[in-house]
Amino acid sequence: MHHNPLEDHVSGRIPRLPALVAAGVALVLATASACGGGDDGATVQGAKLVKKGQLTTCTHLPYPPFQFEKDGKVVGFDIDLMDLVAKKLGVTQKVVDTPFETIKTGADLNAGKCDVAAAGMTIKPERAKFIDFTKPYFDATQAAMSKKGASFASVEDLKKVKVGTQASTTGEDFVHAAKIDSVSFDDSAALLNGLRSGKVDVIVEDYPVVQGWLKDPANSAYAITGNYNTGEQYGFAVRKGKNDGLKNAIDSVIAQARTDGSYKTIYEKWIGPMPEGH
């Protein structure tokens, strides 16, 4: 899902873009020359790395449970999967926090800030013009959360009750596409509060977010009462047209992890019970 409020304001910034682009080009050139032609880099098992001995990962914090800071360290679902990739390559992972905007435009990868972007990022055709996505590693389903005992097995069942959604999210798009008027909340905390205070009977939000809420004893009266596959999938990304070796390495590590059970272990550690078909 990963909604970025910056995207809503791009039109207001267009007059400044030429200056920003020029500054960006100057910065990239300066960075390239400072690296002495990229002597710091290395190629391991066909994967190009910007720094020898490490897999440099760009992400955008926080986006729990995929990546967030805990006890001064970046942890999460995406981080654990990237650790498996680093292990295969015989290197260690280093995480760099950057804006989501420069991740999805490919600017960070092109500038050599990192080797891979891991940011709970939905695979979209418009993004694939600027970055090369791996095969999907996560199905981003939507979940209905309400008081225990209710059931909203299909989206049609939501038409009988008052539904809450988070503004500008794929969950809200999904509900509206089903011709359901929902009460729209500004952020996920307000959405949860809307349910707990009785403003709405049920809320629809990303499954991992709901799972996170249900781990809190304060929400013990609630449960997931519906699961909807919206077809969204997350992918990791590498530099466009420049790093098929790393892309292939990531794909093979994820495939192996699904086979040997380590993917399921990581899923259950960070998210909860794995829905069927994942």
Protein backbone atom coordinates (compact mmCIF):
# COMPACT_ATOMS: atom_id res chain seq x y z
CA MET A 1 0.00 0.00 0.00
CA HIS A 2 2.51 2.53 1.24
CA HIS A 3 0.77 5.81 0.62
CA ASN A 4 3.06 8.81 0.47
CA PRO A 5 1.48 12.21 1.17
CA LEU A 6 4.19 13.85 -0.96
CA GLU A 7 2.55 12.38 -4.05
CA ASP A 8 -0.51 14.54 -3.44
CA HIS A 9 1.53 17.74 -3.68
CA VAL A 10 3.70 17.10 -6.70
CA SER A 11 1.70 19.47 -8.94
CA GLY A 12 2.50 22.37 -6.63
CA ARG A 13 6.23 21.70 -6.98
CA ILE A 14 6.52 21.46 -10.75
CA PRO A 15 8.03 24.97 -11.29
CA ARG A 16 10.94 23.99 -9.03
CA LEU A 17 11.64 20.67 -10.70
CA PRO A 18 14.32 21.84 -13.20
CA ALA A 19 16.42 23.21 -10.35
CA LEU A 20 15.92 20.03 -8.33
CA VAL A 21 16.86 17.85 -11.30
CA ALA A 22 19.98 19.92 -11.98
CA ALA A 23 20.99 19.68 -8.32
CA GLY A 24 20.37 15.93 -8.42
CA VAL A 25 22.57 15.49 -11.50
CA ALA A 26 25.38 17.51 -9.91
CA LEU A 27 25.12 15.42 -6.77
CA VAL A 28 25.24 12.14 -8.68
CA LEU A 29 28.32 13.30 -10.64
CA ALA A 30 30.07 14.40 -7.45
CA THR A 31 29.24 11.08 -5.80
CA ALA A 32 30.51 9.09 -8.78
CA SER A 33 33.85 10.91 -8.88
CA ALA A 34 34.26 10.66 -5.09
CA CYS A 35 33.98 6.89 -5.35
CA GLY A 36 36.96 6.81 -7.69
CA GLY A 37 35.00 5.06 -10.42
CA GLY A 38 33.33 2.63 -8.04
CA ASP A 39 36.42 0.80 -6.73
CA ASP A 40 34.55 0.20 -3.48
CA GLY A 41 32.03 -2.04 -5.22
CA ALA A 42 32.12 -5.73 -5.93
CA THR A 43 30.37 -8.42 -7.93
CA VAL A 44 29.40 -11.49 -5.92
CA GLN A 45 27.80 -14.50 -7.63
CA GLY A 46 26.83 -12.20 -10.51
CA ALA A 47 25.21 -9.62 -8.19
CA LYS A 48 26.64 -6.09 -8.32
CA LEU A 49 27.13 -4.49 -4.91
CA VAL A 50 27.93 -0.80 -4.35
CA LYS A 51 30.10 -1.60 -1.32
CA LYS A 52 32.35 -4.62 -0.93
CA GLY A 53 31.30 -7.07 1.76
CA GLN A 54 27.80 -5.65 2.27
CA LEU A 55 24.30 -5.70 0.83
CA THR A 56 23.06 -2.11 1.07
CA THR A 57 19.28 -1.91 1.46
CA CYS A 58 17.23 1.26 0.97
CA THR A 59 13.99 1.42 2.94
CA HIS A 60 11.57 4.02 4.27
CA LEU A 61 11.00 4.00 8.03
CA PRO A 62 8.77 3.23 9.75
CA TYR A 63 6.43 0.75 8.07
CA PRO A 64 5.81 -1.99 10.64
CA PRO A 65 5.89 -4.94 10.55
CA PHE A 66 8.01 -4.78 7.37
CA GLN A 67 10.65 -2.38 8.62
CA PHE A 68 10.88 -0.29 11.77
CA GLU A 69 13.35 0.62 14.51
CA LYS A 70 13.49 -1.35 17.74
CA ASP A 71 16.17 -0.87 20.39
CA GLY A 72 18.21 1.25 17.98
CA LYS A 73 18.20 -1.41 15.25
CA VAL A 74 16.16 -1.70 12.06
CA VAL A 75 14.13 -4.92 12.12
CA GLY A 76 11.13 -6.45 10.36
CA PHE A 77 9.80 -8.87 7.78
CA ASP A 78 11.63 -7.30 4.80
CA ILE A 79 14.87 -7.03 6.80
CA ASP A 80 14.81 -10.73 7.72
CA LEU A 81 14.27 -11.75 4.08
CA MET A 82 17.14 -9.48 2.96
CA ASP A 83 19.34 -11.06 5.63
CA LEU A 84 18.76 -14.41 3.89
CA VAL A 85 19.92 -12.82 0.61
CA ALA A 86 23.01 -11.31 2.28
CA LYS A 87 23.82 -14.72 3.79
CA LYS A 88 23.62 -16.39 0.35
CA LEU A 89 26.02 -13.76 -1.04
CA GLY A 90 28.35 -14.12 1.96
CA VAL A 91 27.99 -10.46 2.98
CA THR A 92 26.24 -8.48 5.75
CA GLN A 93 23.20 -6.26 5.30
CA LYS A 94 23.34 -2.50 5.95
CA VAL A 95 20.04 -0.57 5.96
CA VAL A 96 19.75 3.02 4.70
CA ASP A 97 16.62 5.08 5.48
CA THR A 98 15.52 7.19 2.49
CA PRO A 99 12.26 8.87 1.35
CA PHE A 100 9.77 6.52 -0.32
CA GLU A 101 9.60 9.00 -3.23
CA THR A 102 13.26 8.44 -4.20
CA ILE A 103 12.90 4.68 -3.78
CA LYS A 104 10.00 4.28 -6.22
CA THR A 105 11.46 6.67 -8.82
CA GLY A 106 14.70 4.66 -8.87
CA ALA A 107 16.77 7.74 -7.88
CA ASP A 108 18.41 6.04 -4.88
CA LEU A 109 19.35 2.91 -6.84
CA ASN A 110 20.62 4.96 -9.82
CA ALA A 111 22.77 7.14 -7.54
CA GLY A 112 24.39 4.06 -5.99
CA LYS A 113 22.95 4.71 -2.53
CA CYS A 114 21.94 1.07 -2.28
CA ASP A 115 21.79 -2.27 -4.09
CA VAL A 116 18.18 -3.13 -3.35
CA ALA A 117 15.00 -1.36 -2.24
CA ALA A 118 12.94 -3.21 0.39
CA ALA A 119 10.06 -1.03 1.51
CA GLY A 120 6.77 -2.93 1.58
CA MET A 121 6.35 -1.69 -2.00
CA THR A 122 3.41 -2.72 -4.18
CA ILE A 123 4.40 -3.81 -7.68
CA LYS A 124 2.84 -1.32 -10.12
CA PRO A 125 3.45 -0.94 -13.89
CA GLU A 126 4.19 2.80 -13.55
CA ARG A 127 6.90 2.05 -10.98
CA ALA A 128 8.38 -0.76 -13.11
CA LYS A 129 9.36 1.90 -15.70
CA PHE A 130 12.03 3.16 -13.28
CA ILE A 131 13.05 0.12 -11.24
CA ASP A 132 13.31 -3.64 -11.83
CA PHE A 133 11.03 -5.58 -9.49
CA THR A 134 11.81 -9.05 -8.22
CA LYS A 135 9.11 -11.71 -8.32
CA PRO A 136 6.42 -10.94 -5.72
CA TYR A 137 7.39 -11.91 -2.18
CA PHE A 138 4.20 -10.94 -0.34
CA ASP A 139 0.45 -10.93 -1.09
CA ALA A 140 -0.98 -7.79 0.48
CA THR A 141 -4.50 -8.87 1.37
CA GLN A 142 -7.06 -6.65 3.10
CA ALA A 143 -8.70 -7.68 6.38
CA ALA A 144 -11.98 -6.80 8.09
CA MET A 145 -11.64 -6.21 11.83
CA SER A 146 -14.65 -6.08 14.15
CA LYS A 147 -15.92 -7.42 17.47
CA LYS A 148 -15.50 -11.18 17.77
CA GLY A 149 -18.43 -13.27 16.60
CA ALA A 150 -19.29 -11.31 13.45
CA SER A 151 -18.47 -12.58 9.97
CA PHE A 152 -17.86 -10.60 6.78
CA ALA A 153 -16.74 -13.46 4.56
CA SER A 154 -17.45 -11.50 1.36
CA VAL A 155 -17.28 -7.79 0.68
CA GLU A 156 -21.07 -7.89 0.11
CA ASP A 157 -21.55 -8.65 3.82
CA LEU A 158 -20.05 -5.23 4.63
CA LYS A 159 -23.07 -3.50 3.08
CA LYS A 160 -25.19 -4.32 6.15
CA VAL A 161 -23.04 -2.36 8.63
CA LYS A 162 -21.16 0.89 9.13
CA VAL A 163 -17.65 0.51 7.63
CA GLY A 164 -14.50 2.51 8.40
CA THR A 165 -11.47 2.87 6.08
CA GLN A 166 -8.19 4.81 6.03
CA ALA A 167 -8.08 7.70 3.54
CA SER A 168 -6.05 7.22 0.33
CA THR A 169 -5.38 3.52 0.93
CA THR A 170 -5.98 0.51 -1.28
CA GLY A 171 -8.35 -0.82 1.40
CA GLU A 172 -10.55 2.25 0.95
CA ASP A 173 -10.34 1.90 -2.85
CA PHE A 174 -11.42 -1.74 -2.52
CA VAL A 175 -14.45 -0.87 -0.36
CA HIS A 176 -15.51 2.03 -2.60
CA ALA A 177 -15.19 -0.16 -5.72
CA ALA A 178 -17.80 -2.45 -4.12
CA LYS A 179 -20.16 0.58 -3.97
CA ILE A 180 -19.90 0.86 -0.19
CA ASP A 181 -19.83 4.30 1.43
CA SER A 182 -17.31 4.21 4.25
CA VAL A 183 -16.41 6.59 7.05
CA SER A 184 -12.91 7.78 6.07
CA PHE A 185 -10.25 8.34 8.76
CA ASP A 186 -7.00 10.29 8.24
CA ASP A 187 -4.61 7.65 9.57
CA SER A 188 -4.53 4.10 10.90
CA ALA A 189 -4.59 5.18 14.57
CA ALA A 190 -7.77 7.22 13.99
CA LEU A 191 -9.28 4.27 12.10
CA LEU A 192 -8.67 1.89 15.02
CA ASN A 193 -10.06 4.47 17.45
CA GLY A 194 -13.17 4.79 15.26
CA LEU A 195 -13.83 1.08 15.73
CA ARG A 196 -13.07 1.07 19.45
CA SER A 197 -15.26 4.12 20.14
CA GLY A 198 -18.19 2.64 18.17
CA LYS A 199 -18.24 5.20 15.35
CA VAL A 200 -18.09 2.25 12.93
CA ASP A 201 -18.92 -1.47 13.26
CA VAL A 202 -16.07 -2.85 11.16
CA ILE A 203 -12.87 -1.50 9.59
CA VAL A 204 -10.96 -2.61 6.49
CA GLU A 205 -7.16 -2.25 6.54
CA ASP A 206 -4.02 -4.11 5.36
CA TYR A 207 -3.91 -7.59 6.92
CA PRO A 208 -0.45 -7.14 8.53
CA VAL A 209 -1.54 -3.87 10.16
CA VAL A 210 -4.63 -5.54 11.65
CA GLN A 211 -2.52 -8.49 12.85
CA GLY A 212 -0.27 -6.02 14.64
CA TRP A 213 -3.25 -4.44 16.42
CA LEU A 214 -4.59 -7.82 17.49
CA LYS A 215 -1.32 -8.59 19.31
CA ASP A 216 -2.20 -5.74 21.71
CA PRO A 217 -4.21 -7.05 24.71
CA ALA A 218 -6.23 -3.78 24.61
CA ASN A 219 -7.84 -5.10 21.40
CA SER A 220 -8.74 -8.54 22.76
CA ALA A 221 -12.49 -8.00 22.09
CA TYR A 222 -11.78 -7.83 18.33
CA ALA A 223 -10.79 -10.29 15.61
CA ILE A 224 -10.22 -10.60 11.88
CA THR A 225 -13.71 -11.31 10.57
CA GLY A 226 -12.98 -11.23 6.84
CA ASN A 227 -9.98 -11.59 4.51
CA TYR A 228 -10.01 -10.20 0.96
CA ASN A 229 -7.44 -10.84 -1.73
CA THR A 230 -7.17 -7.61 -3.74
CA GLY A 231 -4.41 -8.90 -6.02
CA GLU A 232 -1.79 -6.53 -4.60
CA GLN A 233 1.71 -7.92 -4.27
CA TYR A 234 4.91 -6.51 -2.83
CA GLY A 235 8.25 -6.75 -4.61
CA PHE A 236 11.84 -5.84 -3.87
CA ALA A 237 13.58 -3.69 -6.49
CA VAL A 238 17.04 -3.30 -8.05
CA ARG A 239 18.51 -0.75 -10.44
CA LYS A 240 16.67 -0.66 -13.78
CA GLY A 241 18.44 -2.76 -16.41
CA LYS A 242 21.69 -2.92 -14.44
CA ASN A 243 21.51 -5.70 -11.87
CA ASP A 244 19.81 -8.86 -13.12
CA GLY A 245 22.37 -10.86 -11.11
CA LEU A 246 21.08 -9.49 -7.79
CA LYS A 247 17.45 -9.75 -8.91
CA ASN A 248 17.94 -13.44 -9.76
CA ALA A 249 19.72 -14.06 -6.45
CA ILE A 250 16.80 -12.53 -4.51
CA ASP A 251 14.24 -14.55 -6.50
CA SER A 252 16.10 -17.81 -5.84
CA VAL A 253 16.48 -17.05 -2.11
CA ILE A 254 12.73 -16.30 -1.74
CA ALA A 255 11.80 -19.46 -3.67
CA GLN A 256 14.15 -21.51 -1.45
CA ALA A 257 12.71 -19.87 1.71
CA ARG A 258 9.17 -20.79 0.65
CA THR A 259 10.29 -24.41 0.11
CA ASP A 260 12.37 -24.93 3.26
CA GLY A 261 9.90 -23.29 5.67
CA SER A 262 12.01 -20.25 6.60
CA TYR A 263 9.57 -17.89 4.80
CA LYS A 264 6.69 -19.25 6.93
CA THR A 265 8.77 -18.83 10.09
CA ILE A 266 9.56 -15.18 9.23
CA TYR A 267 5.90 -14.54 8.27
CA GLU A 268 4.61 -15.91 11.58
CA LYS A 269 7.29 -14.07 13.56
CA TRP A 270 6.36 -10.62 12.20
CA ILE A 271 2.79 -10.90 10.95
CA GLY A 272 0.85 -13.84 12.32
CA PRO A 273 -0.93 -16.88 10.87
CA MET A 274 -0.17 -17.25 7.18
CA PRO A 275 -3.37 -17.11 5.06
CA GLU A 276 -3.86 -20.07 2.71
CA GLY A 277 -2.29 -19.72 -0.72
CA HIS A 278 0.55 -17.41 0.37
